[in-house]
Amino acid sequence: MTTCNGQMPSAKDQATKILRELERAEDELVGKAVVLTDGKAGTVESVILDNAHGLRVTIAGHDGAWPVSTIKFRER
């Protein structure tokens, strides 16, 4: 990955971008009603960036954290 001037972004720039995207994911997901692919349902309590597994969510009323790819938004 290079910047518009052809140079590699610094570690600080990359970390800032990751944290900005995490904050955006939190804004979009926290408080939303979801259903997990295993049938558990609830409201997203938090979004976690897991070094080993990527973006994960915690669901109110359920222990654990699940990959964001396993949630579906509840249809109204």
C-alpha atoms as a PDB file:
ATOM      1  CA  MET A   1       0.000   0.000   0.000  1.00  0.00           C
ATOM      2  CA  THR A   2       1.376   3.409  -0.940  1.00  0.00           C
ATOM      3  CA  THR A   3       0.201   6.949  -0.411  1.00  0.00           C
ATOM      4  CA  CYS A   4      -0.564   9.397  -3.191  1.00  0.00           C
ATOM      5  CA  ASN A   5       3.073  10.576  -3.122  1.00  0.00           C
ATOM      6  CA  GLY A   6       4.302   6.994  -3.676  1.00  0.00           C
ATOM      7  CA  GLN A   7       5.631   6.470  -0.158  1.00  0.00           C
ATOM      8  CA  MET A   8       4.614   3.824   2.345  1.00  0.00           C
ATOM      9  CA  PRO A   9       2.345   5.136   5.112  1.00  0.00           C
ATOM     10  CA  SER A  10       3.913   5.249   8.557  1.00  0.00           C
ATOM     11  CA  ALA A  11       2.900   2.847  11.316  1.00  0.00           C
ATOM     12  CA  LYS A  12       1.197   5.780  13.053  1.00  0.00           C
ATOM     13  CA  ASP A  13      -0.847   6.535   9.926  1.00  0.00           C
ATOM     14  CA  GLN A  14      -1.880   2.889   9.589  1.00  0.00           C
ATOM     15  CA  ALA A  15      -2.825   2.633  13.278  1.00  0.00           C
ATOM     16  CA  THR A  16      -4.849   5.840  13.038  1.00  0.00           C
ATOM     17  CA  LYS A  17      -6.752   4.473  10.051  1.00  0.00           C
ATOM     18  CA  ILE A  18      -7.502   1.178  11.850  1.00  0.00           C
ATOM     19  CA  LEU A  19      -8.770   2.991  14.949  1.00  0.00           C
ATOM     20  CA  ARG A  20     -10.900   5.315  12.810  1.00  0.00           C
ATOM     21  CA  GLU A  21     -12.516   2.313  11.108  1.00  0.00           C
ATOM     22  CA  LEU A  22     -13.088   0.597  14.474  1.00  0.00           C
ATOM     23  CA  GLU A  23     -14.854   3.711  15.729  1.00  0.00           C
ATOM     24  CA  ARG A  24     -16.978   3.782  12.579  1.00  0.00           C
ATOM     25  CA  ALA A  25     -17.944   0.122  13.086  1.00  0.00           C
ATOM     26  CA  GLU A  26     -18.899   0.872  16.700  1.00  0.00           C
ATOM     27  CA  ASP A  27     -21.087   3.774  15.577  1.00  0.00           C
ATOM     28  CA  GLU A  28     -22.834   1.551  13.025  1.00  0.00           C
ATOM     29  CA  LEU A  29     -23.308  -1.569  15.174  1.00  0.00           C
ATOM     30  CA  VAL A  30     -23.605  -0.773  18.900  1.00  0.00           C
ATOM     31  CA  GLY A  31     -27.257  -0.752  19.930  1.00  0.00           C
ATOM     32  CA  LYS A  32     -28.500  -2.566  16.814  1.00  0.00           C
ATOM     33  CA  ALA A  33     -30.712  -5.640  17.142  1.00  0.00           C
ATOM     34  CA  VAL A  34     -29.062  -8.622  15.475  1.00  0.00           C
ATOM     35  CA  VAL A  35     -29.437 -12.363  15.066  1.00  0.00           C
ATOM     36  CA  LEU A  36     -26.365 -14.600  14.963  1.00  0.00           C
ATOM     37  CA  THR A  37     -26.127 -17.408  12.457  1.00  0.00           C
ATOM     38  CA  ASP A  38     -26.410 -19.866  15.382  1.00  0.00           C
ATOM     39  CA  GLY A  39     -29.817 -18.404  16.350  1.00  0.00           C
ATOM     40  CA  LYS A  40     -28.773 -16.225  19.295  1.00  0.00           C
ATOM     41  CA  ALA A  41     -30.386 -12.798  19.188  1.00  0.00           C
ATOM     42  CA  GLY A  42     -29.900  -9.540  21.018  1.00  0.00           C
ATOM     43  CA  THR A  43     -28.443  -6.081  20.882  1.00  0.00           C
ATOM     44  CA  VAL A  44     -24.807  -5.411  20.038  1.00  0.00           C
ATOM     45  CA  GLU A  45     -23.093  -4.199  23.225  1.00  0.00           C
ATOM     46  CA  SER A  46     -19.586  -3.646  21.909  1.00  0.00           C
ATOM     47  CA  VAL A  47     -17.257  -4.087  18.968  1.00  0.00           C
ATOM     48  CA  ILE A  48     -13.833  -5.589  19.628  1.00  0.00           C
ATOM     49  CA  LEU A  49     -10.752  -5.706  17.425  1.00  0.00           C
ATOM     50  CA  ASP A  50      -9.292  -9.135  18.144  1.00  0.00           C
ATOM     51  CA  ASN A  51      -5.706  -9.571  16.952  1.00  0.00           C
ATOM     52  CA  ALA A  52      -6.267 -13.224  16.115  1.00  0.00           C
ATOM     53  CA  HIS A  53      -9.836 -13.116  14.762  1.00  0.00           C
ATOM     54  CA  GLY A  54     -10.490  -9.594  13.487  1.00  0.00           C
ATOM     55  CA  LEU A  55     -13.643  -7.640  14.201  1.00  0.00           C
ATOM     56  CA  ARG A  56     -15.926  -9.269  16.787  1.00  0.00           C
ATOM     57  CA  VAL A  57     -19.110  -8.208  18.567  1.00  0.00           C
ATOM     58  CA  THR A  58     -20.566  -8.897  21.999  1.00  0.00           C
ATOM     59  CA  ILE A  59     -24.317  -9.405  22.295  1.00  0.00           C
ATOM     60  CA  ALA A  60     -26.403  -8.406  25.331  1.00  0.00           C
ATOM     61  CA  GLY A  61     -27.469 -11.439  27.349  1.00  0.00           C
ATOM     62  CA  HIS A  62     -24.899 -13.815  25.830  1.00  0.00           C
ATOM     63  CA  ASP A  63     -21.372 -14.604  27.011  1.00  0.00           C
ATOM     64  CA  GLY A  64     -18.618 -14.418  24.416  1.00  0.00           C
ATOM     65  CA  ALA A  65     -17.797 -12.503  21.264  1.00  0.00           C
ATOM     66  CA  TRP A  66     -18.583 -13.446  17.682  1.00  0.00           C
ATOM     67  CA  PRO A  67     -17.103 -12.525  14.316  1.00  0.00           C
ATOM     68  CA  VAL A  68     -18.980  -9.636  12.746  1.00  0.00           C
ATOM     69  CA  SER A  69     -19.557 -11.872   9.706  1.00  0.00           C
ATOM     70  CA  THR A  70     -21.934 -14.072  11.753  1.00  0.00           C
ATOM     71  CA  ILE A  71     -24.518 -11.380  12.466  1.00  0.00           C
ATOM     72  CA  LYS A  72     -27.601 -10.412  10.519  1.00  0.00           C
ATOM     73  CA  PHE A  73     -29.629  -7.316  11.234  1.00  0.00           C
ATOM     74  CA  ARG A  74     -33.121  -7.975  12.479  1.00  0.00           C
ATOM     75  CA  GLU A  75     -35.720  -7.170   9.863  1.00  0.00           C
ATOM     76  CA  ARG A  76     -38.620  -5.036  10.971  1.00  0.00           C
END
